[in-house]
Amino acid sequence: MSDWRELRTTTWSMVALIFMVAFESLAVTTVMPTVSDALDGASLYAFAFAGPLATGVVGMVLAGPWSDRSGPRTPLLVAVGLFTAGILVAGAAPSMELLVAGRLLQGFGGGAMTVALYVVVARLYPPMLHPRVFAWFAAAWIIPSLVGPAGAGAVAQHVGWRWVFLGVALLVVPTTLMLVPALRRIGPPQSPGEPAPRGRLPWAALAAAAVLGLNLAAQVRLPWSVLVAVGTGVVALVALRAVVPAGTLRAARGLPSVVATRGLVSGAFLGAEVYLPYLLTERYAFSPTTAGIALTFAGVAWAATSWLQGRLGDRLPHRTAVVAGSLLVVVGVAGVLVTAAGHLPPVVAISSWAVAGAGMGLVYSRLTVLVLAWSLPGTQGVNSSALSIADSIGAALALALTALAFAAADAGPDSPFVAALAVAVLFALGAAAVGPRVGAGRRQAEGSTDDAESSALRS
């Protein structure tokens, strides 16, 4: 049984890879206006963001069953190669069209990489260490949100925007090489699980197209925007049904509820997050920098509770962590809604958002742990890809619906924010309602915790 010390280099290498994916995602947000001006690409500005989200869904679907069949080594190395190639194409692109092509390739590789890394955790780490590993994975996303935008802006200003892409590419290869010795220890599963359902790739492609449609719906004038949103939303749900565990759309107990909760809570958090800075700058005259700092409190709270749940491990039951975290997200998002509706002091919204961040720190990592806890050997990849797909489509659906609500609200100064945040609250309430159905996972239900694993967690 491997312990934490033996796997330290492997852990840091995986965290570094996720950090780079996260940094690239957040840094591009900062430099894309500069890129658009330099390449005369305003018409493709939105697509440069929505495209990677869509191709990532396809990468997730491919990487899951591939990792289950042959082990995660080859899928991970191919995913890293595609991610790096996409970054290089984007960084060297002479036109916006080619940059978008690089972003599509980057999104495909990044989605596949995340799923393959989940399988590495499932196959290499004892279950008692999973909460700690995924707490570090969460931190790898949070830290870039604190330093990524400013760092990317400085690079773009003093070195050039291309190095925001190319600099990451220079770091990915040596980081991946550090993982190779550990990957060689992981072969195909000795007891393969049920094969993934056939025909998932076309459904994944359809889901990707629907994600793009959802994100573009708000760009169409009413009432056509509603029709586009309804149509693409239905298509997204139909396609989602084919690539997630049976029963996910009705939140059946166990694994389906885990996946459903992830989609709902991600939609609630992201759906509210994009409007909080807007609310602070528009209604409270915050500067963009000050509004950004307000979001930092949620990032710190997310990191703190994620670390806490990782240290507690099985001493904090999975179901308790998910339920408590979901309820905190409800309280946090509702607090921002009440602030907008009653024009309360901005400190109410900022402190409420910190509560929402704390809730995400509890629920987000534990849902990933629960997917592995509910997965038999040989199914971790398929189930991990389903979790990531629900995450992406839930967020896309929430963003589209909040944008439509914002656009459709009356002309009052607060009404658009109230309408958009009300949609986010509905997603949060859905997560809180489904959360109690996630259960404990096969491993806890069977009572298979042993002393060696407990010792590993404490080490």
Protein backbone atom coordinates (compact mmCIF):
# COMPACT_ATOMS: atom_id res chain seq x y z
CA MET A 1 0.00 0.00 0.00
CA SER A 2 1.54 3.30 -1.07
CA ASP A 3 1.55 6.11 1.48
CA TRP A 4 1.56 9.89 1.11
CA ARG A 5 5.35 10.27 1.34
CA GLU A 6 6.05 7.73 -1.41
CA LEU A 7 3.62 9.48 -3.76
CA ARG A 8 4.67 13.04 -3.01
CA THR A 9 6.51 13.63 -6.30
CA THR A 10 3.63 12.14 -8.26
CA THR A 11 1.14 14.31 -6.39
CA TRP A 12 3.06 17.52 -7.00
CA SER A 13 3.48 16.69 -10.68
CA MET A 14 -0.27 16.14 -11.14
CA VAL A 15 -1.09 19.29 -9.17
CA ALA A 16 1.35 21.23 -11.36
CA LEU A 17 -0.36 19.97 -14.54
CA ILE A 18 -3.79 20.98 -13.27
CA PHE A 19 -2.36 24.34 -12.17
CA MET A 20 -1.17 24.96 -15.73
CA VAL A 21 -4.57 24.05 -17.21
CA ALA A 22 -6.24 26.37 -14.70
CA PHE A 23 -3.75 29.20 -15.18
CA GLU A 24 -4.13 29.01 -18.94
CA SER A 25 -7.92 29.09 -18.68
CA LEU A 26 -7.95 32.11 -16.36
CA ALA A 27 -5.02 33.95 -17.92
CA VAL A 28 -6.61 33.87 -21.37
CA THR A 29 -9.57 35.79 -19.96
CA THR A 30 -7.20 38.62 -19.07
CA VAL A 31 -5.27 38.78 -22.34
CA MET A 32 -8.01 37.96 -24.84
CA PRO A 33 -9.00 41.62 -25.38
CA THR A 34 -5.37 42.34 -26.31
CA VAL A 35 -5.28 39.26 -28.54
CA SER A 36 -8.53 40.25 -30.25
CA ASP A 37 -7.20 43.73 -31.01
CA ALA A 38 -3.86 42.42 -32.26
CA LEU A 39 -5.44 39.80 -34.56
CA ASP A 40 -8.57 41.75 -35.52
CA GLY A 41 -10.70 38.94 -34.14
CA ALA A 42 -13.65 40.59 -32.39
CA SER A 43 -16.13 38.40 -34.28
CA LEU A 44 -14.57 35.25 -32.81
CA TYR A 45 -14.05 36.62 -29.29
CA ALA A 46 -16.88 34.66 -27.61
CA PHE A 47 -16.11 31.50 -29.58
CA ALA A 48 -12.53 31.54 -28.26
CA PHE A 49 -13.98 30.89 -24.80
CA ALA A 50 -16.92 28.63 -25.61
CA GLY A 51 -15.00 26.45 -28.08
CA PRO A 52 -12.56 24.86 -25.59
CA LEU A 53 -15.44 24.13 -23.20
CA ALA A 54 -17.20 22.24 -25.96
CA THR A 55 -14.22 20.25 -27.25
CA GLY A 56 -13.30 19.42 -23.66
CA VAL A 57 -16.53 17.40 -23.42
CA VAL A 58 -15.43 15.24 -26.35
CA GLY A 59 -11.97 14.78 -24.80
CA MET A 60 -13.54 13.67 -21.54
CA VAL A 61 -15.69 11.05 -23.24
CA LEU A 62 -12.76 9.60 -25.17
CA ALA A 63 -10.30 9.58 -22.26
CA GLY A 64 -12.61 7.83 -19.78
CA PRO A 65 -13.13 4.41 -21.40
CA TRP A 66 -9.64 4.48 -22.93
CA SER A 67 -8.13 4.88 -19.45
CA ASP A 68 -10.32 2.06 -18.14
CA ARG A 69 -9.29 -0.35 -20.90
CA SER A 70 -5.54 0.21 -21.07
CA GLY A 71 -4.67 2.21 -17.97
CA PRO A 72 -4.26 5.99 -17.82
CA ARG A 73 -0.65 6.27 -19.01
CA THR A 74 -1.16 6.47 -22.78
CA PRO A 75 -4.36 8.58 -22.63
CA LEU A 76 -2.65 11.03 -20.28
CA LEU A 77 0.46 11.40 -22.42
CA VAL A 78 -1.63 11.86 -25.58
CA ALA A 79 -3.82 14.42 -23.79
CA VAL A 80 -0.78 16.37 -22.58
CA GLY A 81 0.60 16.30 -26.13
CA LEU A 82 -2.64 17.69 -27.59
CA PHE A 83 -2.91 20.33 -24.87
CA THR A 84 0.66 21.44 -25.50
CA ALA A 85 0.18 21.47 -29.27
CA GLY A 86 -2.91 23.61 -28.88
CA ILE A 87 -1.05 26.12 -26.71
CA LEU A 88 1.80 26.31 -29.23
CA VAL A 89 -0.61 26.87 -32.12
CA ALA A 90 -2.45 29.60 -30.20
CA GLY A 91 0.77 31.28 -29.10
CA ALA A 92 2.18 31.39 -32.61
CA ALA A 93 -1.10 32.10 -34.42
CA PRO A 94 -0.92 34.84 -37.09
CA SER A 95 -4.73 35.11 -37.22
CA MET A 96 -7.68 34.82 -34.86
CA GLU A 97 -8.98 31.83 -36.83
CA LEU A 98 -5.80 29.88 -36.18
CA LEU A 99 -5.75 30.94 -32.54
CA VAL A 100 -9.28 29.60 -32.11
CA ALA A 101 -8.20 26.34 -33.75
CA GLY A 102 -5.40 26.08 -31.20
CA ARG A 103 -7.87 26.78 -28.39
CA LEU A 104 -10.15 23.99 -29.62
CA LEU A 105 -7.23 21.55 -29.56
CA GLN A 106 -6.16 22.85 -26.16
CA GLY A 107 -9.66 22.30 -24.75
CA PHE A 108 -9.79 18.76 -26.13
CA GLY A 109 -6.45 17.87 -24.52
CA GLY A 110 -7.27 19.61 -21.25
CA GLY A 111 -10.58 17.77 -20.84
CA ALA A 112 -8.96 14.40 -21.54
CA MET A 113 -6.05 15.21 -19.23
CA THR A 114 -8.30 15.90 -16.25
CA VAL A 115 -10.15 12.59 -16.61
CA ALA A 116 -6.92 10.60 -17.05
CA LEU A 117 -5.49 12.20 -13.89
CA TYR A 118 -8.59 11.15 -11.94
CA VAL A 119 -7.95 7.56 -13.03
CA VAL A 120 -4.31 7.84 -11.92
CA VAL A 121 -5.56 8.81 -8.47
CA ALA A 122 -8.06 5.94 -8.43
CA ARG A 123 -5.46 3.34 -9.45
CA LEU A 124 -2.38 4.57 -7.59
CA TYR A 125 -3.61 6.05 -4.29
CA PRO A 126 -5.39 4.25 -1.44
CA PRO A 127 -8.97 5.49 -1.05
CA MET A 128 -8.23 7.14 2.30
CA LEU A 129 -5.89 9.54 0.50
CA HIS A 130 -8.38 10.56 -2.19
CA PRO A 131 -9.86 13.50 -0.22
CA ARG A 132 -6.38 14.93 0.36
CA VAL A 133 -5.35 14.55 -3.30
CA PHE A 134 -8.50 16.20 -4.62
CA ALA A 135 -8.13 18.99 -2.08
CA TRP A 136 -4.78 19.76 -3.72
CA PHE A 137 -6.40 19.53 -7.15
CA ALA A 138 -8.95 22.11 -6.01
CA ALA A 139 -6.16 24.34 -4.73
CA ALA A 140 -4.51 24.07 -8.14
CA TRP A 141 -7.58 25.81 -9.58
CA ILE A 142 -7.98 28.35 -6.79
CA ILE A 143 -4.44 29.74 -6.70
CA PRO A 144 -4.48 30.76 -10.40
CA SER A 145 -7.71 32.63 -9.74
CA LEU A 146 -5.78 34.74 -7.24
CA VAL A 147 -2.58 35.37 -9.18
CA GLY A 148 -3.34 34.34 -12.78
CA PRO A 149 -5.07 37.47 -14.10
CA ALA A 150 -2.48 39.88 -12.69
CA GLY A 151 0.41 37.66 -13.77
CA ALA A 152 -0.96 37.25 -17.27
CA GLY A 153 -1.53 40.99 -17.57
CA ALA A 154 2.06 41.68 -16.56
CA VAL A 155 3.40 39.15 -19.07
CA ALA A 156 1.25 40.59 -21.85
CA GLN A 157 2.31 44.14 -21.02
CA HIS A 158 6.05 43.60 -20.60
CA VAL A 159 6.83 40.52 -22.73
CA GLY A 160 3.93 40.06 -25.11
CA TRP A 161 0.62 38.20 -25.07
CA ARG A 162 2.03 35.23 -26.98
CA TRP A 163 4.15 34.25 -23.98
CA VAL A 164 1.05 33.73 -21.87
CA PHE A 165 0.55 30.66 -24.09
CA LEU A 166 4.15 29.74 -24.92
CA GLY A 167 5.41 30.07 -21.34
CA VAL A 168 3.02 27.38 -20.14
CA ALA A 169 4.02 25.08 -23.01
CA LEU A 170 7.66 25.24 -21.85
CA LEU A 171 6.66 23.94 -18.40
CA VAL A 172 4.21 21.18 -19.35
CA VAL A 173 6.73 18.76 -20.87
CA PRO A 174 9.23 18.55 -17.96
CA THR A 175 6.37 18.31 -15.48
CA THR A 176 4.88 15.38 -17.40
CA LEU A 177 8.25 13.61 -17.55
CA MET A 178 8.30 13.59 -13.74
CA LEU A 179 5.07 11.56 -13.83
CA VAL A 180 6.31 8.85 -16.20
CA PRO A 181 7.91 6.56 -13.53
CA ALA A 182 4.64 6.44 -11.57
CA LEU A 183 2.58 5.90 -14.72
CA ARG A 184 4.66 2.84 -15.60
CA ARG A 185 3.37 1.18 -12.42
CA ILE A 186 -0.24 1.38 -13.64
CA GLY A 187 -1.42 -1.21 -16.14
CA PRO A 188 -4.85 -2.31 -17.32
CA PRO A 189 -7.25 -3.21 -14.49
CA GLN A 190 -7.06 -6.85 -13.38
CA SER A 191 -10.85 -6.99 -13.05
CA PRO A 192 -12.31 -4.87 -15.84
CA GLY A 193 -15.69 -3.34 -15.18
CA GLU A 194 -18.58 -3.19 -17.57
CA PRO A 195 -17.57 -1.69 -20.92
CA ALA A 196 -18.71 1.84 -21.67
CA PRO A 197 -21.91 2.05 -23.71
CA ARG A 198 -21.29 2.24 -27.44
CA GLY A 199 -22.01 5.39 -29.40
CA ARG A 200 -20.94 7.82 -26.67
CA LEU A 201 -18.70 9.83 -29.00
CA PRO A 202 -21.51 11.10 -31.30
CA TRP A 203 -23.53 12.03 -28.24
CA ALA A 204 -20.53 13.85 -26.81
CA ALA A 205 -20.13 15.78 -30.07
CA LEU A 206 -23.82 16.67 -29.95
CA ALA A 207 -23.44 17.79 -26.32
CA ALA A 208 -20.47 19.95 -27.34
CA ALA A 209 -22.51 21.61 -30.09
CA ALA A 210 -25.34 22.20 -27.63
CA VAL A 211 -22.93 23.79 -25.16
CA LEU A 212 -21.90 26.25 -27.86
CA GLY A 213 -25.53 26.94 -28.66
CA LEU A 214 -26.34 27.58 -25.02
CA ASN A 215 -23.51 30.05 -24.68
CA LEU A 216 -24.53 31.88 -27.86
CA ALA A 217 -28.26 31.99 -27.11
CA ALA A 218 -28.04 35.29 -25.26
CA GLN A 219 -26.48 36.89 -28.34
CA VAL A 220 -29.76 36.43 -30.26
CA ARG A 221 -32.56 38.94 -29.90
CA LEU A 222 -35.72 38.10 -27.99
CA PRO A 223 -37.89 36.09 -28.51
CA TRP A 224 -35.58 34.05 -30.73
CA SER A 225 -33.00 33.81 -27.93
CA VAL A 226 -35.54 31.94 -25.79
CA LEU A 227 -36.26 29.51 -28.62
CA VAL A 228 -32.54 28.95 -29.20
CA ALA A 229 -31.95 28.38 -25.49
CA VAL A 230 -34.87 25.97 -25.13
CA GLY A 231 -33.89 24.04 -28.23
CA THR A 232 -30.21 23.75 -27.40
CA GLY A 233 -31.02 23.09 -23.76
CA VAL A 234 -33.22 20.13 -24.68
CA VAL A 235 -30.54 18.83 -27.04
CA ALA A 236 -27.90 19.23 -24.30
CA LEU A 237 -29.99 17.25 -21.80
CA VAL A 238 -30.76 14.50 -24.33
CA ALA A 239 -27.08 14.20 -25.22
CA LEU A 240 -26.09 14.38 -21.55
CA ARG A 241 -28.39 11.48 -20.74
CA ALA A 242 -26.37 9.25 -23.11
CA VAL A 243 -22.96 10.04 -21.57
CA VAL A 244 -23.71 10.00 -17.83
CA PRO A 245 -24.80 7.13 -15.54
CA ALA A 246 -28.37 5.95 -15.96
CA GLY A 247 -30.69 7.85 -13.65
CA THR A 248 -28.62 11.04 -13.48
CA LEU A 249 -31.33 13.31 -14.87
CA ARG A 250 -33.78 12.06 -12.23
CA ALA A 251 -31.07 12.11 -9.51
CA ALA A 252 -31.32 8.43 -8.61
CA ARG A 253 -29.56 7.50 -5.38
CA GLY A 254 -25.84 6.84 -5.43
CA LEU A 255 -23.59 7.62 -8.38
CA PRO A 256 -26.30 9.33 -10.51
CA SER A 257 -26.98 11.82 -7.71
CA VAL A 258 -23.25 12.50 -7.34
CA VAL A 259 -23.01 13.47 -11.00
CA ALA A 260 -26.27 15.46 -10.89
CA THR A 261 -25.17 17.38 -7.80
CA ARG A 262 -21.90 18.35 -9.48
CA GLY A 263 -23.70 19.82 -12.48
CA LEU A 264 -26.16 21.75 -10.31
CA VAL A 265 -23.69 23.16 -7.81
CA SER A 266 -21.25 24.17 -10.56
CA GLY A 267 -24.06 25.93 -12.39
CA ALA A 268 -25.15 27.74 -9.23
CA PHE A 269 -21.67 28.99 -8.36
CA LEU A 270 -20.56 30.03 -11.84
CA GLY A 271 -23.97 31.47 -12.69
CA ALA A 272 -23.72 33.85 -9.73
CA GLU A 273 -19.98 34.48 -9.93
CA VAL A 274 -20.09 36.16 -13.33
CA TYR A 275 -22.65 38.72 -12.08
CA LEU A 276 -21.15 39.61 -8.70
CA PRO A 277 -18.33 41.80 -10.10
CA TYR A 278 -20.82 43.35 -12.50
CA LEU A 279 -23.16 44.14 -9.59
CA LEU A 280 -20.36 45.69 -7.54
CA THR A 281 -19.09 47.89 -10.36
CA GLU A 282 -22.50 48.89 -11.75
CA ARG A 283 -24.52 49.46 -8.56
CA TYR A 284 -21.82 50.23 -5.97
CA ALA A 285 -19.21 52.02 -8.13
CA PHE A 286 -16.44 49.55 -7.29
CA SER A 287 -13.40 49.70 -9.53
CA PRO A 288 -12.73 46.52 -11.53
CA THR A 289 -9.67 45.84 -9.35
CA THR A 290 -11.63 46.21 -6.12
CA ALA A 291 -14.45 44.04 -7.44
CA GLY A 292 -11.90 41.39 -8.36
CA ILE A 293 -10.42 41.49 -4.88
CA ALA A 294 -13.90 40.86 -3.49
CA LEU A 295 -13.90 37.53 -5.31
CA THR A 296 -10.61 36.64 -3.67
CA PHE A 297 -12.33 36.08 -0.33
CA ALA A 298 -14.39 33.28 -1.86
CA GLY A 299 -11.23 31.74 -3.32
CA VAL A 300 -9.52 31.78 0.06
CA ALA A 301 -12.61 30.28 1.74
CA TRP A 302 -12.79 27.57 -0.95
CA ALA A 303 -9.13 26.70 -0.42
CA ALA A 304 -9.51 26.61 3.37
CA THR A 305 -12.53 24.29 3.49
CA SER A 306 -11.11 22.13 0.72
CA TRP A 307 -7.94 21.68 2.76
CA LEU A 308 -10.01 20.98 5.89
CA GLN A 309 -12.14 18.27 4.29
CA GLY A 310 -9.01 16.70 2.81
CA ARG A 311 -7.37 16.50 6.23
CA LEU A 312 -10.49 15.08 7.85
CA GLY A 313 -10.86 12.30 5.28
CA ASP A 314 -13.39 9.66 6.33
CA ARG A 315 -13.84 11.36 9.70
CA LEU A 316 -16.08 13.73 7.77
CA PRO A 317 -18.62 11.45 6.03
CA HIS A 318 -19.02 12.06 2.32
CA ARG A 319 -22.75 12.68 2.53
CA THR A 320 -22.31 15.19 5.36
CA ALA A 321 -19.68 17.13 3.42
CA VAL A 322 -21.86 17.29 0.28
CA VAL A 323 -25.03 18.30 2.14
CA ALA A 324 -23.29 20.94 4.26
CA GLY A 325 -21.41 22.34 1.30
CA SER A 326 -24.54 22.53 -0.88
CA LEU A 327 -26.46 24.36 1.85
CA LEU A 328 -23.64 26.87 2.25
CA VAL A 329 -23.75 27.54 -1.50
CA VAL A 330 -27.51 28.16 -1.21
CA VAL A 331 -26.93 30.64 1.64
CA GLY A 332 -24.11 32.38 -0.20
CA VAL A 333 -25.86 32.78 -3.56
CA ALA A 334 -29.11 33.81 -1.83
CA GLY A 335 -27.17 36.44 0.11
CA VAL A 336 -25.95 38.01 -3.12
CA LEU A 337 -29.51 37.92 -4.50
CA VAL A 338 -30.91 39.63 -1.38
CA THR A 339 -28.19 42.27 -1.60
CA ALA A 340 -29.16 43.06 -5.19
CA ALA A 341 -32.91 43.04 -4.48
CA GLY A 342 -32.70 45.23 -1.36
CA HIS A 343 -29.67 47.29 -2.37
CA LEU A 344 -28.00 46.28 0.88
CA PRO A 345 -24.44 47.32 1.76
CA PRO A 346 -21.90 45.58 -0.52
CA VAL A 347 -20.24 43.91 2.45
CA VAL A 348 -23.31 41.63 2.61
CA ALA A 349 -22.72 40.37 -0.92
CA ILE A 350 -18.97 39.99 -0.40
CA SER A 351 -19.33 38.06 2.86
CA SER A 352 -22.13 35.95 1.37
CA TRP A 353 -19.88 35.06 -1.54
CA ALA A 354 -17.18 33.94 0.89
CA VAL A 355 -19.78 31.59 2.41
CA ALA A 356 -20.52 30.22 -1.07
CA GLY A 357 -16.80 29.66 -1.63
CA ALA A 358 -16.57 27.76 1.65
CA GLY A 359 -19.45 25.57 0.55
CA MET A 360 -17.77 24.80 -2.77
CA GLY A 361 -14.60 23.78 -0.95
CA LEU A 362 -16.57 21.17 0.97
CA VAL A 363 -18.75 19.81 -1.81
CA TYR A 364 -16.61 19.99 -4.95
CA SER A 365 -13.70 17.76 -3.98
CA ARG A 366 -15.94 15.33 -2.11
CA LEU A 367 -18.05 14.74 -5.21
CA THR A 368 -14.91 13.70 -7.07
CA VAL A 369 -13.98 11.38 -4.22
CA LEU A 370 -17.48 9.93 -4.25
CA VAL A 371 -17.34 9.14 -7.96
CA LEU A 372 -14.32 6.95 -7.30
CA ALA A 373 -15.95 5.50 -4.19
CA TRP A 374 -18.96 4.41 -6.26
CA SER A 375 -16.85 3.11 -9.18
CA LEU A 376 -15.77 -0.49 -9.64
CA PRO A 377 -12.27 -1.17 -11.02
CA GLY A 378 -12.29 -0.50 -14.73
CA THR A 379 -15.08 2.10 -14.54
CA GLN A 380 -13.26 5.01 -12.89
CA GLY A 381 -12.47 6.65 -16.22
CA VAL A 382 -16.00 6.50 -17.61
CA ASN A 383 -17.50 7.77 -14.37
CA SER A 384 -14.90 10.52 -13.97
CA SER A 385 -15.60 11.71 -17.51
CA ALA A 386 -19.32 11.76 -16.70
CA LEU A 387 -18.63 13.96 -13.67
CA SER A 388 -16.56 16.41 -15.72
CA ILE A 389 -19.15 16.49 -18.48
CA ALA A 390 -21.94 17.27 -16.00
CA ASP A 391 -19.71 20.01 -14.59
CA SER A 392 -19.25 21.63 -18.02
CA ILE A 393 -22.83 21.29 -19.22
CA GLY A 394 -24.29 22.38 -15.89
CA ALA A 395 -22.16 25.52 -15.95
CA ALA A 396 -23.00 26.23 -19.60
CA LEU A 397 -26.72 25.79 -18.96
CA ALA A 398 -26.60 28.10 -15.94
CA LEU A 399 -24.65 30.76 -17.83
CA ALA A 400 -27.10 30.68 -20.71
CA LEU A 401 -30.17 30.86 -18.48
CA THR A 402 -28.77 33.64 -16.29
CA ALA A 403 -27.83 35.63 -19.40
CA LEU A 404 -31.34 35.21 -20.80
CA ALA A 405 -32.91 36.23 -17.49
CA PHE A 406 -30.63 39.26 -17.32
CA ALA A 407 -31.56 40.33 -20.85
CA ALA A 408 -35.29 39.70 -20.39
CA ALA A 409 -35.69 41.60 -17.10
CA ASP A 410 -37.34 45.02 -17.05
CA ALA A 411 -35.34 48.21 -17.26
CA GLY A 412 -35.05 48.80 -13.51
CA PRO A 413 -31.48 49.22 -12.22
CA ASP A 414 -31.59 46.13 -9.99
CA SER A 415 -34.05 43.91 -11.86
CA PRO A 416 -31.57 42.29 -14.29
CA PHE A 417 -29.26 41.28 -11.46
CA VAL A 418 -32.13 39.95 -9.37
CA ALA A 419 -33.43 37.89 -12.31
CA ALA A 420 -30.04 36.40 -13.13
CA LEU A 421 -29.18 35.61 -9.52
CA ALA A 422 -32.61 34.04 -8.97
CA VAL A 423 -31.72 31.47 -11.65
CA ALA A 424 -28.45 30.73 -9.83
CA VAL A 425 -30.38 30.26 -6.56
CA LEU A 426 -32.63 27.70 -8.27
CA PHE A 427 -29.56 25.71 -9.32
CA ALA A 428 -28.21 25.89 -5.75
CA LEU A 429 -31.53 24.70 -4.30
CA GLY A 430 -31.48 21.81 -6.77
CA ALA A 431 -28.03 20.80 -5.56
CA ALA A 432 -29.15 20.99 -1.92
CA ALA A 433 -32.20 18.83 -2.70
CA VAL A 434 -30.19 16.18 -4.55
CA GLY A 435 -27.17 16.20 -2.20
CA PRO A 436 -28.66 13.93 0.50
CA ARG A 437 -29.10 11.19 -2.13
CA VAL A 438 -25.37 10.79 -2.87
CA GLY A 439 -24.84 8.14 -0.18
CA ALA A 440 -21.46 7.09 1.14
CA GLY A 441 -20.00 5.15 -1.78
CA ARG A 442 -19.40 1.42 -2.08
CA ARG A 443 -16.29 1.47 0.04
CA GLN A 444 -17.78 3.17 3.10
CA ALA A 445 -20.99 1.19 2.75
CA GLU A 446 -19.01 -2.04 2.87
CA GLY A 447 -16.97 -0.85 5.85
CA SER A 448 -13.64 -1.64 4.21
CA THR A 449 -11.52 1.04 5.89
CA ASP A 450 -8.37 -0.50 7.33
CA ASP A 451 -5.69 0.65 9.74
CA ALA A 452 -3.04 0.94 7.06
CA GLU A 453 -5.14 3.44 5.13
CA SER A 454 -5.87 5.47 8.25
CA SER A 455 -2.17 5.59 9.02
CA ALA A 456 -1.45 6.73 5.46
CA LEU A 457 -3.90 9.58 5.79
CA ARG A 458 -2.32 10.84 8.99
CA SER A 459 1.21 10.66 7.61
